[in-house]
Amino acid sequence: METINKREVWNKGKLVGQKPPLKPKDIWAIRIHLQNRHAVRDLAMFNLAIDSKLRGCDLVGLHVRDITHGNQILARAMVMQRKTQRPVQFELTEPTRSAVAAWLEQVHLRSDQYLFPSRVGNSLHISTRQYARIVHQWVDVAGLDSSAYGTHSMRRTKATLIYKRTKNLRAVQLLLGHTKLESTVRYLGIEVDDALEISEQTEI
């Protein structure tokens, strides 16, 4: 009798689907932990990841000049997204500017260098895989199941909070750099009823 070798499913035992955003209490738990540990780089990276809403590849690819002008940290910045080749703008809140300033003061980087240089000799900046590992460490600190969260959790966090407070899909679309509103709806995981309610309230 012929035996059939069953290949193990790639996602066996793993949670798949959209990664949930962090909640405000999780954000503060991580921030306080990083501050207490004097983890200057990680605090700058964490705050910037939340504010910028950038994909992991774009976050680790930031240069110092992208968010600075002279010795000043910009309140707003614009970068070209690697995936879409379209520019996207983001804000840097005061806590983020302070955290980034502390990091730059510690490492003395030139404007043309990467904001988060790699500690590995053959790489100019930390890799997206390394960033993903760091995100899992942050999530562990907040007492969450790290297998349920990922780098897209960082990208979705502020976008989700903005949407919940304003219900302004177009604003979130612009902030995430999506070309289609439908992509934003799917990305935020908005329920159909919620989307219909927005549509009903929009007069043409």
N, C-alpha and C. Protein backbone atom coordinates (compact mmCIF):
# COMPACT_ATOMS: atom_id res chain seq x y z
N MET A 1 0.85 -1.20 0.00
CA MET A 1 0.00 0.00 0.00
C MET A 1 0.88 1.25 0.00
N GLU A 2 0.57 2.15 -0.87
CA GLU A 2 1.41 3.34 -1.02
C GLU A 2 1.19 4.30 0.15
N THR A 3 2.27 4.79 0.70
CA THR A 3 2.17 5.77 1.80
C THR A 3 2.39 7.16 1.25
N ILE A 4 1.63 8.07 1.77
CA ILE A 4 1.72 9.46 1.31
C ILE A 4 2.42 10.28 2.37
N ASN A 5 3.52 10.92 1.98
CA ASN A 5 4.25 11.77 2.92
C ASN A 5 3.56 13.13 2.99
N LYS A 6 3.10 13.42 4.17
CA LYS A 6 2.43 14.71 4.35
C LYS A 6 3.45 15.78 4.76
N ARG A 7 3.51 16.81 3.96
CA ARG A 7 4.41 17.91 4.30
C ARG A 7 3.78 18.75 5.40
N GLU A 8 4.61 19.17 6.33
CA GLU A 8 4.11 19.99 7.43
C GLU A 8 3.75 21.38 6.92
N VAL A 9 2.60 21.84 7.31
CA VAL A 9 2.15 23.17 6.88
C VAL A 9 3.07 24.22 7.47
N TRP A 10 3.45 25.21 6.62
CA TRP A 10 4.44 26.21 7.06
C TRP A 10 4.01 26.98 8.29
N ASN A 11 2.66 27.17 8.45
CA ASN A 11 2.18 27.99 9.56
C ASN A 11 1.62 27.15 10.71
N LYS A 12 2.01 25.87 10.75
CA LYS A 12 1.50 25.00 11.80
C LYS A 12 1.93 25.54 13.17
N GLY A 13 0.95 25.71 14.03
CA GLY A 13 1.25 26.18 15.38
C GLY A 13 1.48 27.67 15.49
N LYS A 14 1.37 28.38 14.35
CA LYS A 14 1.59 29.83 14.37
C LYS A 14 0.27 30.56 14.16
N LEU A 15 0.20 31.74 14.76
CA LEU A 15 -0.97 32.58 14.55
C LEU A 15 -0.76 33.37 13.27
N VAL A 16 -1.73 33.31 12.36
CA VAL A 16 -1.59 34.03 11.09
C VAL A 16 -2.70 35.06 10.98
N GLY A 17 -2.58 35.92 9.97
CA GLY A 17 -3.56 36.97 9.81
C GLY A 17 -2.99 38.31 10.26
N GLN A 18 -3.86 39.29 10.35
CA GLN A 18 -3.41 40.63 10.70
C GLN A 18 -2.90 40.68 12.14
N LYS A 19 -1.79 41.39 12.30
CA LYS A 19 -1.23 41.56 13.63
C LYS A 19 -1.97 42.70 14.33
N PRO A 20 -2.42 42.48 15.57
CA PRO A 20 -3.19 43.53 16.25
C PRO A 20 -2.30 44.71 16.65
N PRO A 21 -2.90 45.89 16.74
CA PRO A 21 -2.15 47.05 17.20
C PRO A 21 -1.94 46.99 18.71
N LEU A 22 -1.00 47.77 19.20
CA LEU A 22 -0.82 47.90 20.64
C LEU A 22 -1.87 48.84 21.20
N LYS A 23 -2.23 48.63 22.44
CA LYS A 23 -3.15 49.53 23.13
C LYS A 23 -2.35 50.57 23.91
N PRO A 24 -2.97 51.71 24.23
CA PRO A 24 -2.23 52.76 24.95
C PRO A 24 -1.52 52.26 26.21
N LYS A 25 -2.16 51.37 26.97
CA LYS A 25 -1.52 50.87 28.20
C LYS A 25 -0.28 50.03 27.86
N ASP A 26 -0.30 49.34 26.72
CA ASP A 26 0.86 48.56 26.29
C ASP A 26 2.00 49.50 25.89
N ILE A 27 1.65 50.57 25.19
CA ILE A 27 2.65 51.55 24.76
C ILE A 27 3.38 52.12 25.96
N TRP A 28 2.61 52.49 26.98
CA TRP A 28 3.23 53.10 28.17
C TRP A 28 4.04 52.09 28.96
N ALA A 29 3.59 50.85 29.01
CA ALA A 29 4.35 49.80 29.71
C ALA A 29 5.72 49.62 29.06
N ILE A 30 5.74 49.62 27.73
CA ILE A 30 7.00 49.45 27.01
C ILE A 30 7.89 50.67 27.18
N ARG A 31 7.30 51.87 27.06
CA ARG A 31 8.09 53.10 27.21
C ARG A 31 8.75 53.18 28.59
N ILE A 32 7.98 52.89 29.62
CA ILE A 32 8.51 52.97 30.98
C ILE A 32 9.63 51.96 31.18
N HIS A 33 9.43 50.76 30.63
CA HIS A 33 10.46 49.72 30.73
C HIS A 33 11.75 50.18 30.05
N LEU A 34 11.64 50.73 28.84
CA LEU A 34 12.82 51.18 28.11
C LEU A 34 13.50 52.35 28.80
N GLN A 35 12.71 53.26 29.37
CA GLN A 35 13.28 54.39 30.11
C GLN A 35 14.04 53.91 31.34
N ASN A 36 13.45 52.96 32.08
CA ASN A 36 14.09 52.44 33.28
C ASN A 36 15.37 51.69 32.97
N ARG A 37 15.41 51.07 31.79
CA ARG A 37 16.61 50.33 31.37
C ARG A 37 17.64 51.24 30.70
N HIS A 38 17.27 52.51 30.51
CA HIS A 38 18.13 53.47 29.79
C HIS A 38 18.48 52.93 28.40
N ALA A 39 17.49 52.29 27.79
CA ALA A 39 17.66 51.76 26.43
C ALA A 39 17.39 52.87 25.43
N VAL A 40 18.38 53.72 25.24
CA VAL A 40 18.21 54.96 24.46
C VAL A 40 17.84 54.66 23.02
N ARG A 41 18.56 53.73 22.39
CA ARG A 41 18.25 53.41 20.99
C ARG A 41 16.85 52.83 20.85
N ASP A 42 16.52 51.87 21.70
CA ASP A 42 15.22 51.21 21.58
C ASP A 42 14.06 52.16 21.85
N LEU A 43 14.25 53.09 22.77
CA LEU A 43 13.18 54.06 23.05
C LEU A 43 12.97 54.97 21.84
N ALA A 44 14.06 55.40 21.22
CA ALA A 44 13.95 56.23 20.02
C ALA A 44 13.28 55.45 18.89
N MET A 45 13.68 54.20 18.74
CA MET A 45 13.12 53.35 17.68
C MET A 45 11.64 53.08 17.93
N PHE A 46 11.29 52.78 19.17
CA PHE A 46 9.90 52.48 19.51
C PHE A 46 9.01 53.69 19.27
N ASN A 47 9.39 54.84 19.80
CA ASN A 47 8.59 56.05 19.62
C ASN A 47 8.46 56.42 18.15
N LEU A 48 9.55 56.29 17.42
CA LEU A 48 9.54 56.65 16.01
C LEU A 48 8.68 55.67 15.20
N ALA A 49 8.71 54.39 15.57
CA ALA A 49 7.88 53.39 14.89
C ALA A 49 6.40 53.70 15.08
N ILE A 50 6.02 54.09 16.30
CA ILE A 50 4.62 54.44 16.58
C ILE A 50 4.21 55.68 15.81
N ASP A 51 5.01 56.74 15.91
CA ASP A 51 4.66 58.01 15.26
C ASP A 51 4.65 57.91 13.74
N SER A 52 5.67 57.28 13.18
CA SER A 52 5.86 57.31 11.72
C SER A 52 4.88 56.41 10.98
N LYS A 53 4.45 55.31 11.64
CA LYS A 53 3.55 54.35 10.99
C LYS A 53 4.20 53.76 9.74
N LEU A 54 5.53 53.70 9.72
CA LEU A 54 6.26 53.18 8.57
C LEU A 54 6.35 51.66 8.61
N ARG A 55 6.45 51.07 7.44
CA ARG A 55 6.77 49.64 7.36
C ARG A 55 8.16 49.43 7.94
N GLY A 56 8.43 48.21 8.36
CA GLY A 56 9.72 47.92 8.97
C GLY A 56 10.90 48.27 8.07
N CYS A 57 10.79 47.95 6.76
CA CYS A 57 11.89 48.22 5.83
C CYS A 57 12.17 49.71 5.71
N ASP A 58 11.12 50.52 5.81
CA ASP A 58 11.31 51.97 5.71
C ASP A 58 11.84 52.56 7.02
N LEU A 59 11.42 51.99 8.13
CA LEU A 59 11.90 52.48 9.43
C LEU A 59 13.40 52.24 9.59
N VAL A 60 13.84 51.02 9.33
CA VAL A 60 15.26 50.71 9.50
C VAL A 60 16.11 51.39 8.43
N GLY A 61 15.47 51.81 7.32
CA GLY A 61 16.19 52.47 6.24
C GLY A 61 16.29 53.98 6.38
N LEU A 62 15.77 54.52 7.49
CA LEU A 62 15.83 55.97 7.70
C LEU A 62 17.27 56.45 7.87
N HIS A 63 17.58 57.56 7.23
CA HIS A 63 18.86 58.24 7.47
C HIS A 63 18.64 59.36 8.48
N VAL A 64 19.70 59.79 9.09
CA VAL A 64 19.61 60.89 10.05
C VAL A 64 19.02 62.12 9.38
N ARG A 65 19.42 62.39 8.14
CA ARG A 65 18.96 63.58 7.43
C ARG A 65 17.46 63.56 7.14
N ASP A 66 16.85 62.37 7.17
CA ASP A 66 15.42 62.26 6.89
C ASP A 66 14.56 62.92 7.96
N ILE A 67 15.09 62.99 9.18
CA ILE A 67 14.28 63.52 10.28
C ILE A 67 14.95 64.68 11.01
N THR A 68 16.01 65.22 10.41
CA THR A 68 16.71 66.35 11.05
C THR A 68 16.95 67.48 10.05
N HIS A 69 17.16 68.64 10.61
CA HIS A 69 17.61 69.80 9.82
C HIS A 69 18.65 70.50 10.68
N GLY A 70 19.91 70.33 10.29
CA GLY A 70 20.98 70.83 11.14
C GLY A 70 21.00 70.02 12.43
N ASN A 71 20.93 70.74 13.55
CA ASN A 71 20.92 70.06 14.85
C ASN A 71 19.50 69.85 15.39
N GLN A 72 18.52 70.23 14.58
CA GLN A 72 17.12 70.15 15.04
C GLN A 72 16.45 68.87 14.54
N ILE A 73 15.65 68.27 15.42
CA ILE A 73 14.81 67.14 15.01
C ILE A 73 13.53 67.72 14.44
N LEU A 74 13.16 67.29 13.25
CA LEU A 74 11.97 67.83 12.58
C LEU A 74 10.69 67.41 13.28
N ALA A 75 9.70 68.29 13.24
CA ALA A 75 8.37 67.95 13.77
C ALA A 75 7.58 67.15 12.73
N ARG A 76 7.94 67.31 11.45
CA ARG A 76 7.33 66.55 10.37
C ARG A 76 8.41 66.12 9.40
N ALA A 77 8.23 64.93 8.85
CA ALA A 77 9.21 64.42 7.90
C ALA A 77 8.50 63.74 6.75
N MET A 78 9.24 63.54 5.67
CA MET A 78 8.68 62.84 4.50
C MET A 78 9.73 61.86 3.98
N VAL A 79 9.31 60.64 3.69
CA VAL A 79 10.22 59.66 3.11
C VAL A 79 9.54 58.96 1.93
N MET A 80 10.36 58.38 1.08
CA MET A 80 9.84 57.61 -0.04
C MET A 80 9.67 56.16 0.42
N GLN A 81 8.47 55.63 0.26
CA GLN A 81 8.22 54.25 0.66
C GLN A 81 8.87 53.29 -0.32
N ARG A 82 9.55 52.31 0.21
CA ARG A 82 10.24 51.35 -0.65
C ARG A 82 9.26 50.49 -1.44
N LYS A 83 8.16 50.10 -0.81
CA LYS A 83 7.20 49.19 -1.45
C LYS A 83 6.45 49.86 -2.59
N THR A 84 5.98 51.09 -2.36
CA THR A 84 5.13 51.75 -3.35
C THR A 84 5.84 52.82 -4.17
N GLN A 85 7.04 53.21 -3.73
CA GLN A 85 7.78 54.29 -4.38
C GLN A 85 6.97 55.59 -4.38
N ARG A 86 6.16 55.74 -3.33
CA ARG A 86 5.38 56.96 -3.17
C ARG A 86 5.79 57.62 -1.85
N PRO A 87 5.83 58.97 -1.82
CA PRO A 87 6.22 59.64 -0.57
C PRO A 87 5.12 59.55 0.48
N VAL A 88 5.51 59.53 1.72
CA VAL A 88 4.55 59.55 2.82
C VAL A 88 5.11 60.48 3.90
N GLN A 89 4.22 61.26 4.50
CA GLN A 89 4.62 62.18 5.56
C GLN A 89 4.24 61.62 6.92
N PHE A 90 4.97 62.02 7.92
CA PHE A 90 4.62 61.64 9.28
C PHE A 90 5.10 62.70 10.26
N GLU A 91 4.48 62.68 11.45
CA GLU A 91 4.82 63.64 12.48
C GLU A 91 5.74 62.99 13.50
N LEU A 92 6.54 63.81 14.15
CA LEU A 92 7.35 63.36 15.27
C LEU A 92 6.91 64.17 16.49
N THR A 93 6.24 63.51 17.41
CA THR A 93 5.76 64.19 18.61
C THR A 93 6.93 64.57 19.50
N GLU A 94 6.67 65.41 20.48
CA GLU A 94 7.74 65.90 21.36
C GLU A 94 8.48 64.76 22.06
N PRO A 95 7.78 63.75 22.62
CA PRO A 95 8.51 62.64 23.24
C PRO A 95 9.42 61.91 22.26
N THR A 96 8.97 61.77 21.02
CA THR A 96 9.78 61.10 20.00
C THR A 96 11.00 61.94 19.65
N ARG A 97 10.80 63.24 19.48
CA ARG A 97 11.94 64.12 19.18
C ARG A 97 12.97 64.08 20.30
N SER A 98 12.50 64.06 21.54
CA SER A 98 13.43 64.01 22.69
C SER A 98 14.19 62.69 22.70
N ALA A 99 13.48 61.59 22.42
CA ALA A 99 14.12 60.28 22.43
C ALA A 99 15.15 60.16 21.30
N VAL A 100 14.80 60.67 20.12
CA VAL A 100 15.72 60.63 18.99
C VAL A 100 16.93 61.52 19.25
N ALA A 101 16.70 62.70 19.84
CA ALA A 101 17.80 63.62 20.16
C ALA A 101 18.78 62.97 21.14
N ALA A 102 18.25 62.26 22.13
CA ALA A 102 19.11 61.58 23.11
C ALA A 102 19.93 60.49 22.43
N TRP A 103 19.31 59.78 21.48
CA TRP A 103 20.02 58.74 20.75
C TRP A 103 21.13 59.32 19.89
N LEU A 104 20.83 60.40 19.18
CA LEU A 104 21.84 61.02 18.31
C LEU A 104 22.97 61.62 19.13
N GLU A 105 22.66 62.12 20.30
CA GLU A 105 23.69 62.68 21.18
C GLU A 105 24.63 61.57 21.66
N GLN A 106 24.10 60.38 21.81
CA GLN A 106 24.90 59.26 22.29
C GLN A 106 25.81 58.69 21.21
N VAL A 107 25.31 58.62 19.97
CA VAL A 107 26.07 57.91 18.93
C VAL A 107 26.83 58.82 17.96
N HIS A 108 26.51 60.12 17.94
CA HIS A 108 27.24 61.09 17.10
C HIS A 108 27.29 60.66 15.63
N LEU A 109 26.11 60.48 15.05
CA LEU A 109 26.02 60.06 13.65
C LEU A 109 26.04 61.27 12.71
N ARG A 110 26.59 61.07 11.52
CA ARG A 110 26.53 62.11 10.49
C ARG A 110 25.15 62.09 9.84
N SER A 111 24.82 63.17 9.16
CA SER A 111 23.49 63.28 8.55
C SER A 111 23.26 62.24 7.46
N ASP A 112 24.35 61.78 6.81
CA ASP A 112 24.19 60.82 5.72
C ASP A 112 24.21 59.36 6.20
N GLN A 113 24.35 59.16 7.51
CA GLN A 113 24.36 57.80 8.03
C GLN A 113 22.96 57.33 8.38
N TYR A 114 22.82 56.00 8.49
CA TYR A 114 21.54 55.44 8.89
C TYR A 114 21.27 55.76 10.35
N LEU A 115 20.00 56.02 10.65
CA LEU A 115 19.61 56.39 12.01
C LEU A 115 19.84 55.26 13.00
N PHE A 116 19.63 54.02 12.54
CA PHE A 116 19.83 52.87 13.42
C PHE A 116 20.86 51.93 12.79
N PRO A 117 22.15 52.28 12.94
CA PRO A 117 23.19 51.46 12.31
C PRO A 117 23.26 50.06 12.92
N SER A 118 23.69 49.14 12.09
CA SER A 118 23.80 47.76 12.55
C SER A 118 25.07 47.59 13.38
N ARG A 119 25.00 46.66 14.33
CA ARG A 119 26.19 46.32 15.10
C ARG A 119 26.92 45.15 14.46
N VAL A 120 26.35 44.67 13.35
CA VAL A 120 26.98 43.60 12.58
C VAL A 120 27.81 44.24 11.48
N GLY A 121 29.03 43.78 11.33
CA GLY A 121 29.99 44.45 10.45
C GLY A 121 29.59 44.58 9.00
N ASN A 122 28.88 43.59 8.44
CA ASN A 122 28.60 43.61 7.00
C ASN A 122 27.26 44.26 6.66
N SER A 123 26.63 44.92 7.61
CA SER A 123 25.34 45.58 7.36
C SER A 123 25.40 47.02 7.83
N LEU A 124 24.85 47.92 7.00
CA LEU A 124 24.91 49.34 7.33
C LEU A 124 23.85 49.75 8.35
N HIS A 125 22.70 49.09 8.32
CA HIS A 125 21.65 49.39 9.29
C HIS A 125 21.05 48.09 9.80
N ILE A 126 20.31 48.16 10.89
CA ILE A 126 19.72 46.93 11.41
C ILE A 126 18.76 46.37 10.37
N SER A 127 18.67 45.08 10.31
CA SER A 127 17.83 44.42 9.30
C SER A 127 16.38 44.39 9.76
N THR A 128 15.49 44.13 8.81
CA THR A 128 14.07 44.02 9.16
C THR A 128 13.86 42.81 10.08
N ARG A 129 14.65 41.77 9.90
CA ARG A 129 14.54 40.60 10.77
C ARG A 129 14.96 40.95 12.20
N GLN A 130 16.03 41.73 12.30
CA GLN A 130 16.50 42.17 13.62
C GLN A 130 15.44 43.06 14.28
N TYR A 131 14.86 43.95 13.48
CA TYR A 131 13.80 44.82 13.99
C TYR A 131 12.62 43.99 14.49
N ALA A 132 12.27 42.94 13.76
CA ALA A 132 11.16 42.07 14.17
C ALA A 132 11.46 41.42 15.51
N ARG A 133 12.71 41.00 15.72
CA ARG A 133 13.08 40.40 17.00
C ARG A 133 12.96 41.42 18.13
N ILE A 134 13.35 42.65 17.85
CA ILE A 134 13.26 43.71 18.86
C ILE A 134 11.80 43.97 19.22
N VAL A 135 10.93 43.99 18.21
CA VAL A 135 9.49 44.20 18.46
C VAL A 135 8.94 43.10 19.37
N HIS A 136 9.35 41.85 19.13
CA HIS A 136 8.90 40.75 19.99
C HIS A 136 9.36 40.94 21.43
N GLN A 137 10.56 41.48 21.61
CA GLN A 137 11.05 41.77 22.96
C GLN A 137 10.19 42.83 23.64
N TRP A 138 9.82 43.86 22.87
CA TRP A 138 8.96 44.91 23.42
C TRP A 138 7.61 44.34 23.85
N VAL A 139 7.04 43.51 22.99
CA VAL A 139 5.73 42.94 23.27
C VAL A 139 5.77 42.06 24.52
N ASP A 140 6.85 41.31 24.68
CA ASP A 140 7.03 40.48 25.88
C ASP A 140 7.01 41.33 27.14
N VAL A 141 7.65 42.48 27.05
CA VAL A 141 7.72 43.40 28.20
C VAL A 141 6.32 43.82 28.65
N ALA A 142 5.41 44.00 27.69
CA ALA A 142 4.05 44.43 27.99
C ALA A 142 3.18 43.27 28.47
N GLY A 143 3.77 42.07 28.56
CA GLY A 143 3.03 40.91 29.04
C GLY A 143 2.08 40.34 28.00
N LEU A 144 2.36 40.61 26.72
CA LEU A 144 1.50 40.12 25.64
C LEU A 144 2.11 38.88 25.00
N ASP A 145 1.31 38.17 24.25
CA ASP A 145 1.77 37.00 23.52
C ASP A 145 2.53 37.47 22.29
N SER A 146 3.84 37.35 22.32
CA SER A 146 4.65 37.92 21.23
C SER A 146 4.39 37.25 19.89
N SER A 147 3.87 36.01 19.89
CA SER A 147 3.59 35.33 18.62
C SER A 147 2.40 35.96 17.90
N ALA A 148 1.59 36.72 18.63
CA ALA A 148 0.41 37.34 18.03
C ALA A 148 0.71 38.72 17.45
N TYR A 149 1.87 39.26 17.77
CA TYR A 149 2.22 40.62 17.34
C TYR A 149 3.45 40.61 16.44
N GLY A 150 3.63 41.71 15.70
CA GLY A 150 4.78 41.81 14.81
C GLY A 150 5.05 43.26 14.45
N THR A 151 5.91 43.46 13.46
CA THR A 151 6.27 44.82 13.07
C THR A 151 5.07 45.61 12.57
N HIS A 152 4.10 44.91 11.95
CA HIS A 152 2.91 45.62 11.47
C HIS A 152 2.03 46.09 12.62
N SER A 153 2.21 45.49 13.80
CA SER A 153 1.50 45.99 14.98
C SER A 153 1.93 47.42 15.27
N MET A 154 3.22 47.68 15.09
CA MET A 154 3.75 49.03 15.31
C MET A 154 3.16 50.00 14.28
N ARG A 155 3.09 49.55 13.04
CA ARG A 155 2.57 50.40 11.95
C ARG A 155 1.09 50.69 12.14
N ARG A 156 0.36 49.72 12.68
CA ARG A 156 -1.10 49.86 12.81
C ARG A 156 -1.53 50.61 14.07
N THR A 157 -0.65 50.70 15.06
CA THR A 157 -1.06 51.19 16.38
C THR A 157 -1.65 52.60 16.33
N LYS A 158 -0.88 53.56 15.88
CA LYS A 158 -1.37 54.95 15.88
C LYS A 158 -2.46 55.15 14.85
N ALA A 159 -2.34 54.46 13.71
CA ALA A 159 -3.37 54.57 12.67
C ALA A 159 -4.72 54.11 13.21
N THR A 160 -4.71 53.03 13.99
CA THR A 160 -5.96 52.51 14.56
C THR A 160 -6.53 53.48 15.59
N LEU A 161 -5.67 54.05 16.43
CA LEU A 161 -6.12 55.02 17.43
C LEU A 161 -6.72 56.26 16.77
N ILE A 162 -6.06 56.72 15.70
CA ILE A 162 -6.57 57.90 14.97
C ILE A 162 -7.94 57.60 14.39
N TYR A 163 -8.06 56.41 13.79
CA TYR A 163 -9.35 56.06 13.19
C TYR A 163 -10.45 55.97 14.24
N LYS A 164 -10.15 55.33 15.37
CA LYS A 164 -11.16 55.17 16.42
C LYS A 164 -11.63 56.51 16.97
N ARG A 165 -10.72 57.47 17.02
CA ARG A 165 -11.07 58.78 17.58
C ARG A 165 -11.75 59.69 16.58
N THR A 166 -11.42 59.54 15.30
CA THR A 166 -11.93 60.47 14.29
C THR A 166 -12.88 59.85 13.27
N LYS A 167 -12.78 58.54 13.08
CA LYS A 167 -13.52 57.83 12.02
C LYS A 167 -13.18 58.38 10.64
N ASN A 168 -12.01 59.03 10.53
CA ASN A 168 -11.62 59.64 9.26
C ASN A 168 -10.70 58.68 8.49
N LEU A 169 -11.32 57.91 7.61
CA LEU A 169 -10.56 56.92 6.85
C LEU A 169 -9.56 57.56 5.88
N ARG A 170 -9.98 58.65 5.27
CA ARG A 170 -9.12 59.33 4.29
C ARG A 170 -7.83 59.82 4.96
N ALA A 171 -7.95 60.36 6.15
CA ALA A 171 -6.77 60.83 6.88
C ALA A 171 -5.82 59.67 7.16
N VAL A 172 -6.39 58.55 7.62
CA VAL A 172 -5.56 57.39 7.92
C VAL A 172 -4.92 56.84 6.65
N GLN A 173 -5.68 56.86 5.55
CA GLN A 173 -5.13 56.42 4.26
C GLN A 173 -3.89 57.22 3.89
N LEU A 174 -3.97 58.54 4.04
CA LEU A 174 -2.84 59.41 3.72
C LEU A 174 -1.65 59.14 4.64
N LEU A 175 -1.94 58.94 5.93
CA LEU A 175 -0.87 58.71 6.90
C LEU A 175 -0.15 57.39 6.67
N LEU A 176 -0.89 56.40 6.20
CA LEU A 176 -0.29 55.09 5.93
C LEU A 176 0.34 55.00 4.54
N GLY A 177 0.01 55.98 3.69
CA GLY A 177 0.56 55.98 2.34
C GLY A 177 -0.08 54.96 1.43
N HIS A 178 -1.35 54.60 1.72
CA HIS A 178 -2.08 53.65 0.87
C HIS A 178 -2.59 54.36 -0.38
N THR A 179 -2.56 53.67 -1.51
CA THR A 179 -3.08 54.27 -2.75
C THR A 179 -4.60 54.13 -2.84
N LYS A 180 -5.14 53.09 -2.20
CA LYS A 180 -6.59 52.84 -2.27
C LYS A 180 -7.20 52.83 -0.88
N LEU A 181 -8.39 53.42 -0.78
CA LEU A 181 -9.10 53.44 0.49
C LEU A 181 -9.45 52.02 0.95
N GLU A 182 -9.72 51.15 -0.02
CA GLU A 182 -10.05 49.77 0.32
C GLU A 182 -8.90 49.09 1.07
N SER A 183 -7.67 49.45 0.71
CA SER A 183 -6.51 48.88 1.39
C SER A 183 -6.49 49.30 2.86
N THR A 184 -6.87 50.55 3.11
CA THR A 184 -6.90 51.06 4.48
C THR A 184 -7.98 50.36 5.29
N VAL A 185 -9.13 50.14 4.67
CA VAL A 185 -10.23 49.44 5.35
C VAL A 185 -9.77 48.05 5.76
N ARG A 186 -9.14 47.34 4.82
CA ARG A 186 -8.67 45.98 5.11
C ARG A 186 -7.56 46.01 6.16
N TYR A 187 -6.67 46.98 6.04
CA TYR A 187 -5.52 47.05 6.95
C TYR A 187 -5.94 47.30 8.38
N LEU A 188 -6.93 48.16 8.55
CA LEU A 188 -7.41 48.48 9.90
C LEU A 188 -8.34 47.39 10.44
N GLY A 189 -8.80 46.52 9.53
CA GLY A 189 -9.71 45.46 9.97
C GLY A 189 -11.06 46.01 10.36
N ILE A 190 -11.50 47.05 9.67
CA ILE A 190 -12.78 47.68 9.98
C ILE A 190 -13.91 46.73 9.62
N GLU A 191 -14.84 46.58 10.53
CA GLU A 191 -15.99 45.73 10.29
C GLU A 191 -16.88 46.35 9.20
N VAL A 192 -17.58 45.50 8.48
CA VAL A 192 -18.44 45.97 7.38
C VAL A 192 -19.48 46.96 7.89
N ASP A 193 -20.08 46.69 9.03
CA ASP A 193 -21.09 47.59 9.58
C ASP A 193 -20.51 48.96 9.86
N ASP A 194 -19.28 48.96 10.36
CA ASP A 194 -18.59 50.21 10.66
C ASP A 194 -18.37 51.00 9.38
N ALA A 195 -17.92 50.30 8.34
CA ALA A 195 -17.68 50.95 7.05
C ALA A 195 -18.99 51.49 6.46
N LEU A 196 -20.07 50.73 6.58
CA LEU A 196 -21.37 51.17 6.07
C LEU A 196 -21.87 52.40 6.83
N GLU A 197 -21.63 52.40 8.14
CA GLU A 197 -22.05 53.55 8.95
C GLU A 197 -21.35 54.82 8.50
N ILE A 198 -20.06 54.69 8.18
CA ILE A 198 -19.30 55.84 7.67
C ILE A 198 -19.88 56.29 6.34
N SER A 199 -20.20 55.32 5.48
CA SER A 199 -20.74 55.63 4.17
C SER A 199 -22.08 56.33 4.27
N GLU A 200 -22.92 55.88 5.21
CA GLU A 200 -24.26 56.49 5.39
C GLU A 200 -24.17 57.93 5.87
N GLN A 201 -23.12 58.22 6.62
CA GLN A 201 -22.97 59.55 7.17
C GLN A 201 -22.32 60.52 6.20
N THR A 202 -21.87 59.97 5.05
CA THR A 202 -21.20 60.80 4.05
C THR A 202 -22.16 61.16 2.94
N GLU A 203 -22.54 62.44 2.91
CA GLU A 203 -23.46 62.89 1.88
C GLU A 203 -22.70 63.35 0.65
N ILE A 204 -23.29 63.08 -0.50
CA ILE A 204 -22.66 63.49 -1.77
C ILE A 204 -23.51 64.56 -2.42
